Amino acid sequence: MAKEKKQLNEEEQLFLDSQLRSEIIENEKKRSMLLGVISLIIILLIVGLVFVFNNQLIQYPVDIFPVYITLVVFAIMVARAAAILFMLQKDKMRQIVGSNKRGEIVRYGWLLLEISVPSVLLYFYSDYMADRSFVFMPVKWYYILVIILSTLSLDFWKSFFCGFVAAFQFSIIIFWFTKTSFSLEPVTIANSPVYYISYIILLFISGNVAGFVAYQLKKKITNTYIALLERNRVVNLFDQQVSKEIVDELIANYDYLAGKRKFVCVMFLDIRNFTQFTEKMQPEEIIDYQNKIFSFMIEIITKNHGVINQFLGDGYMATFGAPISKGNDCLNAVTAAFEIIKSVNEKSERGEIPKTKIGIGLHAGDIVAGNVGTSIRKQYSISGSTVILASRIEDLTKQYSAQLLVSKEVLENADGIDCTNEYLGEIVLKGRETPMKIYKLI
C-alpha cells in the first residue's frame, strides 16, 4: 500500500535534519578515505612500475619529472584524506561541515580540489610530451572516479558541480595546448576534435547522472527516517496500551490512524465508591492504588486485542475493533470483562489490592475513529453515540447491582460466547428516546 508523505512537526523535522547531517558527515569521511586509499594504491603502483621497468628507463633516457609530480600530487591526496578523517573526529569540525552555509562552502571546496587533481597532472604532462598524446594518460579517468564518489554527498548539485568543473577544466586544457586549431596533419585521434568533445560531453553527462543517483539516495534515506518517525509516532501514541501485534500492524498500515467509520465494541469501567474510598488517602497512595489496579487490567485488555483510549481517574474507556479489528471484537470485549472482574475479585480476597468493586458496561456499534489534533499534538480518539451509550450502560450497573451489563448488539455479535445472562428488559437510557435491550452477565 503506497504511503503518502506525512507532515512532520518541528521536533521531527529537527530530528530528520540532524540525521541527514550525520549521514552526510559520515559519507564525507568515507569519500575522503576512499580517495586516500585509491591515491595510495596509485603511488604504490607507480613506484612498482618504475622499479620493474628501471632498466628500460635507463636504456631509453626519459624525463621522469611527470612521475615525480604524480607521486607528489597523490601523496598530497593521501595526507589530505588523513587530515579530513582526523578533523571530522572533532565535534567543532563536524558542526562546521554539518552546518548549512559554512558546511556547503567547505564541501564544495573539497570537491573542487578533488576534481582538479587530473587537470593539474594533465597540465604538467603536456609540457613533457612532444604531442598531444598526454590526453590518453589514464589519469584523465580520475575525473570519472571523483564524479562517482560525489554521489556520497547526497546532493544533486554537488555531483553536477563535479561534472561541470571537470568538463570545463578539461576544455581549458585542450584549448590552451591546441591553440584552438584541430587541423594538424596527419589527422589522428589525438588531433581529432571529436575525441575531445566526446570526452567533455561524457564528463558533463556523468555529473548529471551522478547527481540523479545522489538525489535518489537522499530520497531513500529521507524516506527511511520518515518511516522511523512514523513508527515512533505509533509507539508513542499507544505506548503500553496496545499489544505488539497491533503496533506492528499499525506501522505497516499507518493509514489506519486516519479518521474512519468502524464497528467496534466500547467498554466503560468504573471503580465503585472511588471518591469516598480515596478521600482519606494521600495523593501518593491514590496513585499507587491506581497503578496496582490498572496495571493488570491493561494487560488483560491488551491480551484481548483492545485499546484503552482514556483513563478517567476512577475508571477508563477501552475499545475493541479500533484502530484495528482482530475479528470477533465483541467476544474479545466480553472475555476481557470476565477476566478483569475475576482478577479484581481474587486480588481483593487475597489482599493484593484494597477491597474493590467495579462495574463494566459494553455496547457495540459504529463510531468514527482517528487522529484528532494538529501536527504538533495529536491524540487517537473515538466518537459517536456508541461511546455515550456504553457509558450509560455502565451507569446502570449501580442500579441493577451488576458487575457486567451488555447491550443486545454485543451479544448478537459475540460469536461463540458461552455464558448465562439475565434479560433486564428494554430500558430507556439517558439522552435516548428509543429503549435498548440490556442483559446482565454478572
Protein backbone atom coordinates (compact mmCIF):
# COMPACT_ATOMS: atom_id res chain seq x y z
CA MET A 1 0.00 0.00 0.00
CA ALA A 2 1.50 3.34 -1.02
CA LYS A 3 2.11 5.76 1.77
CA GLU A 4 1.65 9.46 1.49
CA LYS A 5 4.42 11.57 2.91
CA LYS A 6 3.33 12.68 6.33
CA GLN A 7 3.72 16.25 7.53
CA LEU A 8 6.49 16.50 10.09
CA ASN A 9 6.21 18.67 13.16
CA GLU A 10 9.07 20.92 14.25
CA GLU A 11 10.66 18.35 16.56
CA GLU A 12 10.50 15.62 13.93
CA GLN A 13 11.94 17.94 11.26
CA LEU A 14 14.86 18.79 13.55
CA PHE A 15 15.48 15.08 14.10
CA LEU A 16 15.38 14.43 10.34
CA ASP A 17 17.77 17.31 9.60
CA SER A 18 20.14 16.10 12.32
CA GLN A 19 20.19 12.56 10.95
CA LEU A 20 20.80 13.78 7.41
CA ARG A 21 23.71 15.95 8.60
CA SER A 22 25.21 12.97 10.40
CA GLU A 23 24.77 10.86 7.28
CA ILE A 24 26.47 13.49 5.13
CA ILE A 25 29.41 13.78 7.54
CA GLU A 26 29.87 10.00 7.60
CA ASN A 27 29.73 9.94 3.80
CA GLU A 28 32.37 12.69 3.60
CA LYS A 29 34.62 10.53 5.76
CA LYS A 30 34.02 7.53 3.51
CA ARG A 31 34.64 9.56 0.35
CA SER A 32 37.88 11.03 1.70
CA MET A 33 39.04 7.63 2.89
CA LEU A 34 38.29 6.00 -0.49
CA LEU A 35 40.14 8.72 -2.41
CA GLY A 36 43.05 8.45 0.03
CA VAL A 37 43.23 4.68 -0.37
CA ILE A 38 42.99 4.95 -4.17
CA SER A 39 45.71 7.61 -4.19
CA LEU A 40 47.94 5.37 -2.05
CA ILE A 41 47.37 2.46 -4.44
CA ILE A 42 48.31 4.68 -7.39
CA ILE A 43 51.50 5.72 -5.61
CA LEU A 44 52.45 2.10 -4.91
CA LEU A 45 51.59 1.14 -8.48
CA ILE A 46 53.79 3.90 -9.96
CA VAL A 47 56.71 3.06 -7.66
CA GLY A 48 56.35 -0.62 -8.54
CA LEU A 49 56.28 0.10 -12.29
CA VAL A 50 59.35 2.35 -12.05
CA PHE A 51 61.18 -0.35 -10.11
CA VAL A 52 60.19 -3.14 -12.55
CA PHE A 53 60.98 -1.13 -15.70
CA ASN A 54 64.05 0.64 -14.34
CA ASN A 55 66.37 -0.90 -16.97
CA GLN A 56 64.24 0.33 -19.83
CA LEU A 57 64.17 3.82 -18.36
CA ILE A 58 67.96 3.84 -18.21
CA GLN A 59 68.30 2.43 -21.74
CA TYR A 60 65.88 4.98 -23.17
CA PRO A 61 66.53 8.23 -21.33
CA VAL A 62 63.19 9.69 -20.35
CA ASP A 63 62.47 12.77 -18.33
CA ILE A 64 60.55 11.29 -15.42
CA PHE A 65 59.70 14.63 -13.86
CA PRO A 66 55.95 13.99 -14.52
CA VAL A 67 56.30 10.82 -12.47
CA TYR A 68 57.60 12.85 -9.54
CA ILE A 69 54.77 15.32 -9.95
CA THR A 70 52.24 12.46 -9.97
CA LEU A 71 53.71 10.99 -6.80
CA VAL A 72 53.66 14.37 -5.06
CA VAL A 73 50.05 15.13 -6.05
CA PHE A 74 48.74 11.76 -4.90
CA ALA A 75 50.84 11.93 -1.74
CA ILE A 76 49.06 15.21 -1.00
CA MET A 77 45.71 13.48 -1.55
CA VAL A 78 46.70 10.74 0.91
CA ALA A 79 47.74 13.33 3.51
CA ARG A 80 44.56 15.30 2.86
CA ALA A 81 42.40 12.22 3.41
CA ALA A 82 44.15 11.51 6.71
CA ALA A 83 43.71 15.14 7.78
CA ILE A 84 39.99 15.17 6.94
CA LEU A 85 39.39 11.90 8.78
CA PHE A 86 41.21 13.33 11.81
CA MET A 87 39.34 16.65 11.69
CA LEU A 88 35.94 15.02 11.38
CA GLN A 89 36.56 13.26 14.68
CA LYS A 90 36.38 16.70 16.33
CA ASP A 91 32.95 18.00 17.29
CA LYS A 92 33.71 21.53 16.15
CA MET A 93 34.72 20.43 12.65
CA ARG A 94 31.69 18.16 12.42
CA GLN A 95 29.49 21.12 13.29
CA ILE A 96 31.13 23.23 10.57
CA VAL A 97 30.78 20.52 7.92
CA GLY A 98 27.21 19.82 9.02
CA SER A 99 26.15 23.46 9.04
CA ASN A 100 24.15 24.96 6.21
CA LYS A 101 26.37 27.79 4.93
CA ARG A 102 29.91 27.11 6.11
CA GLY A 103 29.47 23.39 5.57
CA GLU A 104 28.39 23.93 1.97
CA ILE A 105 31.46 26.08 1.28
CA VAL A 106 33.77 23.50 2.84
CA ARG A 107 32.26 20.59 0.91
CA TYR A 108 32.31 22.44 -2.41
CA GLY A 109 35.95 23.34 -1.70
CA TRP A 110 36.84 19.71 -1.13
CA LEU A 111 35.12 18.71 -4.38
CA LEU A 112 36.93 21.42 -6.32
CA LEU A 113 40.27 20.20 -5.01
CA GLU A 114 39.50 16.58 -5.85
CA ILE A 115 38.20 17.24 -9.35
CA SER A 116 41.25 19.46 -10.10
CA VAL A 117 43.79 16.67 -9.48
CA PRO A 118 43.69 15.23 -13.03
CA SER A 119 43.66 18.75 -14.50
CA VAL A 120 46.87 19.64 -12.66
CA LEU A 121 48.55 16.43 -13.76
CA LEU A 122 47.42 16.80 -17.39
CA TYR A 123 48.86 20.32 -17.39
CA PHE A 124 52.29 19.06 -16.35
CA TYR A 125 52.16 16.07 -18.68
CA SER A 126 51.51 18.32 -21.65
CA ASP A 127 54.82 20.14 -21.16
CA TYR A 128 56.83 16.92 -21.23
CA MET A 129 55.30 15.22 -24.23
CA ALA A 130 56.06 16.00 -27.82
CA ASP A 131 52.47 15.75 -28.95
CA ARG A 132 49.03 15.76 -27.51
CA SER A 133 49.07 12.07 -26.60
CA PHE A 134 49.07 13.21 -22.96
CA VAL A 135 45.28 13.22 -23.20
CA PHE A 136 45.38 9.42 -23.34
CA MET A 137 47.05 9.19 -19.95
CA PRO A 138 44.96 7.08 -17.54
CA VAL A 139 44.87 9.95 -15.06
CA LYS A 140 42.00 11.55 -17.00
CA TRP A 141 39.70 8.79 -15.71
CA TYR A 142 40.26 10.17 -12.23
CA TYR A 143 37.61 12.75 -13.22
CA ILE A 144 35.04 9.95 -13.51
CA LEU A 145 36.12 8.46 -10.20
CA VAL A 146 35.60 11.74 -8.33
CA ILE A 147 32.23 12.26 -10.04
CA ILE A 148 31.07 8.79 -9.00
CA LEU A 149 32.14 9.31 -5.38
CA SER A 150 30.40 12.70 -5.32
CA THR A 151 27.12 10.80 -5.04
CA LEU A 152 28.02 10.20 -1.38
CA SER A 153 27.38 13.91 -0.83
CA LEU A 154 23.66 13.14 -1.33
CA ASP A 155 23.23 16.36 -3.30
CA PHE A 156 22.40 16.64 -6.99
CA TRP A 157 24.12 20.00 -7.32
CA LYS A 158 27.43 18.79 -5.91
CA SER A 159 27.61 15.97 -8.43
CA PHE A 160 26.54 18.40 -11.16
CA PHE A 161 29.27 20.76 -9.96
CA CYS A 162 31.88 17.99 -10.30
CA GLY A 163 30.76 17.12 -13.81
CA PHE A 164 30.64 20.74 -14.91
CA VAL A 165 34.05 21.66 -13.42
CA ALA A 166 35.66 18.53 -14.88
CA ALA A 167 34.28 19.30 -18.36
CA PHE A 168 35.29 22.96 -18.06
CA GLN A 169 38.84 22.30 -16.85
CA PHE A 170 39.45 19.63 -19.48
CA SER A 171 38.14 22.02 -22.15
CA ILE A 172 40.55 24.75 -20.99
CA ILE A 173 43.49 22.35 -21.08
CA ILE A 174 42.66 21.17 -24.58
CA PHE A 175 42.01 24.70 -25.82
CA TRP A 176 45.23 26.02 -24.33
CA PHE A 177 47.51 23.36 -25.77
CA THR A 178 45.88 23.06 -29.17
CA LYS A 179 45.79 26.85 -29.65
CA THR A 180 42.19 26.37 -30.92
CA SER A 181 43.48 24.54 -34.03
CA PHE A 182 42.40 20.96 -34.78
CA SER A 183 43.63 20.86 -38.42
CA LEU A 184 47.04 19.27 -37.87
CA GLU A 185 48.27 16.68 -40.36
CA PRO A 186 48.16 13.78 -40.36
CA VAL A 187 44.79 13.53 -38.62
CA THR A 188 44.95 11.19 -35.62
CA ILE A 189 42.69 10.50 -32.68
CA ALA A 190 44.90 12.78 -30.59
CA ASN A 191 44.31 15.60 -33.09
CA SER A 192 40.61 14.94 -33.61
CA PRO A 193 38.20 17.42 -32.03
CA VAL A 194 35.60 14.62 -31.96
CA TYR A 195 37.63 12.82 -29.29
CA TYR A 196 37.94 15.89 -27.07
CA ILE A 197 34.36 16.99 -27.47
CA SER A 198 33.05 13.47 -26.81
CA TYR A 199 35.03 13.20 -23.59
CA ILE A 200 33.94 16.65 -22.46
CA ILE A 201 30.29 15.72 -23.06
CA LEU A 202 30.86 12.43 -21.21
CA LEU A 203 32.17 14.29 -18.16
CA PHE A 204 29.21 16.66 -18.13
CA ILE A 205 26.67 13.85 -18.56
CA SER A 206 28.40 11.83 -15.83
CA GLY A 207 27.92 14.72 -13.42
CA ASN A 208 24.19 14.85 -14.17
CA VAL A 209 23.76 11.08 -13.86
CA ALA A 210 25.70 11.05 -10.59
CA GLY A 211 23.51 13.91 -9.38
CA PHE A 212 20.38 11.90 -10.15
CA VAL A 213 21.78 8.92 -8.23
CA ALA A 214 22.68 11.21 -5.30
CA TYR A 215 19.14 12.63 -5.27
CA GLN A 216 17.63 9.13 -5.24
CA LEU A 217 19.95 8.05 -2.42
CA LYS A 218 18.99 11.08 -0.34
CA LYS A 219 15.31 10.48 -1.06
CA LYS A 220 15.59 6.86 0.03
CA ILE A 221 17.46 7.77 3.22
CA THR A 222 14.93 10.50 3.99
CA ASN A 223 12.02 8.10 3.49
CA THR A 224 13.74 5.61 5.79
CA TYR A 225 13.96 8.19 8.58
CA ILE A 226 10.38 9.32 7.97
CA ALA A 227 9.27 5.68 8.29
CA LEU A 228 11.18 5.54 11.58
CA LEU A 229 9.44 8.70 12.76
CA GLU A 230 6.06 7.23 11.80
CA ARG A 231 6.90 4.12 13.78
CA ASN A 232 7.79 6.28 16.78
CA ARG A 233 4.51 8.16 16.35
CA VAL A 234 2.56 4.94 16.60
CA VAL A 235 4.59 3.63 19.53
CA ASN A 236 4.35 6.92 21.40
CA LEU A 237 0.68 7.29 20.59
CA PHE A 238 -0.33 3.94 22.06
CA ASP A 239 2.69 3.31 24.31
CA GLN A 240 1.90 0.28 26.55
CA GLN A 241 -1.82 0.29 25.86
CA VAL A 242 -1.65 -1.75 22.66
CA SER A 243 -0.29 -5.23 22.01
CA LYS A 244 2.89 -5.55 19.97
CA GLU A 245 0.86 -7.35 17.32
CA ILE A 246 -1.38 -4.32 16.80
CA VAL A 247 1.56 -1.88 16.89
CA ASP A 248 3.34 -3.84 14.16
CA GLU A 249 0.21 -3.83 12.00
CA LEU A 250 -0.27 -0.09 12.54
CA ILE A 251 3.33 0.54 11.48
CA ALA A 252 2.77 -1.44 8.30
CA ASN A 253 -0.56 0.33 7.65
CA TYR A 254 -0.25 3.84 9.08
CA ASP A 255 -3.44 4.98 7.35
CA TYR A 256 -5.44 3.03 9.95
CA LEU A 257 -4.96 6.11 12.15
CA ALA A 258 -6.88 8.34 9.76
CA GLY A 259 -10.48 9.19 10.64
CA LYS A 260 -12.69 6.25 9.62
CA ARG A 261 -16.08 4.81 10.41
CA LYS A 262 -15.74 1.49 12.21
CA PHE A 263 -17.89 -1.08 14.00
CA VAL A 264 -16.43 -1.55 17.48
CA CYS A 265 -17.27 -2.70 20.98
CA VAL A 266 -16.78 0.00 23.60
CA MET A 267 -16.08 -0.78 27.26
CA PHE A 268 -16.55 1.58 30.19
CA LEU A 269 -15.21 0.50 33.58
CA ASP A 270 -15.89 2.25 36.87
CA ILE A 271 -14.42 1.65 40.32
CA ARG A 272 -17.25 1.73 42.85
CA ASN A 273 -17.19 4.45 45.56
CA PHE A 274 -13.81 5.67 44.38
CA THR A 275 -14.30 9.20 45.74
CA GLN A 276 -15.24 8.03 49.24
CA PHE A 277 -12.51 5.39 49.13
CA THR A 278 -9.73 7.87 48.32
CA GLU A 279 -10.80 10.92 50.32
CA LYS A 280 -8.74 9.77 53.31
CA MET A 281 -5.71 8.84 51.20
CA GLN A 282 -2.65 10.91 50.33
CA PRO A 283 -2.10 11.66 46.63
CA GLU A 284 0.85 9.24 46.53
CA GLU A 285 -1.35 6.47 47.95
CA ILE A 286 -4.03 7.13 45.34
CA ILE A 287 -1.50 6.90 42.53
CA ASP A 288 -0.10 3.69 43.99
CA TYR A 289 -3.59 2.19 44.17
CA GLN A 290 -4.40 3.20 40.59
CA ASN A 291 -1.14 1.75 39.32
CA LYS A 292 -1.78 -1.57 41.07
CA ILE A 293 -5.34 -1.99 39.84
CA PHE A 294 -4.90 -0.61 36.33
CA SER A 295 -1.67 -2.50 35.58
CA PHE A 296 -3.23 -5.96 35.36
CA MET A 297 -6.35 -4.55 33.67
CA ILE A 298 -4.18 -3.07 30.91
CA GLU A 299 -2.53 -6.45 30.40
CA ILE A 300 -5.92 -8.15 30.07
CA ILE A 301 -7.24 -5.52 27.65
CA THR A 302 -4.09 -5.75 25.56
CA LYS A 303 -4.13 -9.55 25.53
CA ASN A 304 -7.64 -9.48 24.13
CA HIS A 305 -6.73 -7.00 21.36
CA GLY A 306 -8.28 -3.95 22.99
CA VAL A 307 -7.05 -0.37 23.36
CA ILE A 308 -7.50 1.83 26.41
CA ASN A 309 -8.45 5.19 24.93
CA GLN A 310 -8.82 7.23 28.06
CA PHE A 311 -8.28 6.93 31.82
CA LEU A 312 -11.00 8.62 33.85
CA GLY A 313 -9.46 8.58 37.33
CA ASP A 314 -11.97 6.10 38.72
CA GLY A 315 -12.07 4.03 35.55
CA TYR A 316 -11.37 4.06 31.85
CA MET A 317 -12.79 3.67 28.37
CA ALA A 318 -11.46 0.90 26.14
CA THR A 319 -12.19 -0.02 22.53
CA PHE A 320 -12.16 -3.38 20.76
CA GLY A 321 -12.01 -3.09 16.98
CA ALA A 322 -10.24 0.25 16.61
CA PRO A 323 -7.79 1.16 15.30
CA ILE A 324 -7.56 -2.45 14.04
CA SER A 325 -10.11 -5.22 14.26
CA LYS A 326 -8.80 -8.66 15.12
CA GLY A 327 -12.02 -10.48 14.25
CA ASN A 328 -14.63 -11.10 16.93
CA ASP A 329 -14.27 -7.83 18.81
CA CYS A 330 -17.43 -8.22 20.89
CA LEU A 331 -16.33 -11.66 22.09
CA ASN A 332 -12.89 -10.25 22.92
CA ALA A 333 -14.51 -7.45 24.93
CA VAL A 334 -16.76 -9.84 26.89
CA THR A 335 -13.82 -12.18 27.55
CA ALA A 336 -11.69 -9.27 28.78
CA ALA A 337 -14.53 -8.06 31.05
CA PHE A 338 -14.91 -11.52 32.66
CA GLU A 339 -11.13 -11.77 33.21
CA ILE A 340 -10.94 -8.29 34.75
CA ILE A 341 -13.83 -8.96 37.15
CA LYS A 342 -12.35 -12.31 38.15
CA SER A 343 -8.90 -10.79 38.74
CA VAL A 344 -10.28 -7.90 40.80
CA ASN A 345 -12.29 -10.26 43.00
CA GLU A 346 -9.39 -12.67 43.51
CA LYS A 347 -6.84 -9.94 44.26
CA SER A 348 -9.25 -8.26 46.66
CA GLU A 349 -9.79 -11.55 48.54
CA ARG A 350 -6.04 -12.23 48.71
CA GLY A 351 -5.33 -8.72 49.95
CA GLU A 352 -3.14 -7.83 46.97
CA ILE A 353 -5.30 -4.74 46.46
CA PRO A 354 -7.74 -2.97 48.78
CA LYS A 355 -11.31 -4.26 48.69
CA THR A 356 -12.56 -3.12 45.31
CA LYS A 357 -15.80 -3.43 43.39
CA ILE A 358 -16.16 -2.49 39.74
CA GLY A 359 -18.88 -2.08 37.15
CA ILE A 360 -18.45 -2.64 33.41
CA GLY A 361 -20.74 -1.64 30.56
CA LEU A 362 -20.36 -2.86 26.95
CA HIS A 363 -22.05 -1.64 23.80
CA ALA A 364 -21.28 -2.26 20.12
CA GLY A 365 -21.94 -0.05 17.15
CA ASP A 366 -20.47 2.33 14.61
CA ILE A 367 -18.05 5.06 15.69
CA VAL A 368 -15.64 7.44 13.98
CA ALA A 369 -12.03 6.78 14.99
CA GLY A 370 -8.84 8.58 14.07
CA ASN A 371 -6.16 11.08 14.96
CA VAL A 372 -7.51 14.37 16.30
CA GLY A 373 -5.33 17.47 16.69
CA THR A 374 -2.58 19.35 14.91
CA SER A 375 0.81 18.28 13.56
CA ILE A 376 2.30 19.35 16.88
CA ARG A 377 -0.06 17.45 19.16
CA LYS A 378 -2.36 14.60 18.19
CA GLN A 379 -4.45 12.06 20.07
CA TYR A 380 -6.16 8.95 18.81
CA SER A 381 -9.83 9.43 19.64
CA ILE A 382 -13.18 7.77 19.01
CA SER A 383 -16.55 9.49 18.93
CA GLY A 384 -20.19 8.71 18.28
CA SER A 385 -23.38 7.68 20.05
CA THR A 386 -21.97 4.19 20.69
CA VAL A 387 -19.47 5.69 23.13
CA ILE A 388 -22.17 7.61 25.00
CA LEU A 389 -24.48 4.59 25.20
CA ALA A 390 -21.68 2.37 26.53
CA SER A 391 -21.15 4.92 29.30
CA ARG A 392 -24.90 4.97 30.08
CA ILE A 393 -24.97 1.15 30.27
CA GLU A 394 -22.08 1.22 32.74
CA ASP A 395 -24.11 3.67 34.89
CA LEU A 396 -26.91 1.10 35.01
CA THR A 397 -24.66 -1.41 36.81
CA LYS A 398 -25.22 0.55 40.04
CA GLN A 399 -28.99 0.50 39.63
CA TYR A 400 -29.11 -3.25 38.92
CA SER A 401 -26.31 -4.27 41.35
CA ALA A 402 -24.40 -5.75 38.43
CA GLN A 403 -20.74 -6.05 37.61
CA LEU A 404 -21.21 -6.51 33.88
CA LEU A 405 -24.03 -5.26 31.67
CA VAL A 406 -24.10 -5.51 27.88
CA SER A 407 -26.40 -4.41 25.10
CA LYS A 408 -28.23 -6.71 22.72
CA GLU A 409 -25.80 -5.62 19.96
CA VAL A 410 -22.87 -7.04 21.95
CA LEU A 411 -24.47 -10.45 22.45
CA GLU A 412 -25.56 -10.68 18.82
CA ASN A 413 -22.02 -10.02 17.59
CA ALA A 414 -20.16 -12.06 20.23
CA ASP A 415 -19.95 -15.24 18.17
CA GLY A 416 -19.14 -18.26 20.29
CA ILE A 417 -19.96 -16.66 23.64
CA ASP A 418 -20.75 -19.23 26.33
CA CYS A 419 -22.26 -17.65 29.42
CA THR A 420 -25.57 -17.28 31.16
CA ASN A 421 -27.34 -13.96 31.01
CA GLU A 422 -30.32 -12.25 32.56
CA TYR A 423 -32.53 -10.15 30.32
CA LEU A 424 -33.33 -6.88 32.10
CA GLY A 425 -35.82 -5.71 29.50
CA GLU A 426 -35.98 -2.67 27.24
CA ILE A 427 -34.51 0.28 29.10
CA VAL A 428 -34.60 3.92 28.07
CA LEU A 429 -31.15 5.35 28.59
CA LYS A 430 -30.48 8.97 29.42
CA GLY A 431 -30.43 11.11 26.29
CA ARG A 432 -32.07 8.45 24.10
CA GLU A 433 -35.75 8.06 23.28
CA THR A 434 -35.65 4.54 21.84
CA PRO A 435 -35.28 1.87 24.56
CA MET A 436 -32.40 -0.62 24.41
CA LYS A 437 -32.37 -4.30 25.34
CA ILE A 438 -29.91 -4.78 28.19
CA TYR A 439 -28.51 -8.04 29.59
CA LYS A 440 -26.83 -8.77 32.90
CA LEU A 441 -23.95 -11.24 32.64
CA ILE A 442 -22.63 -10.90 36.19
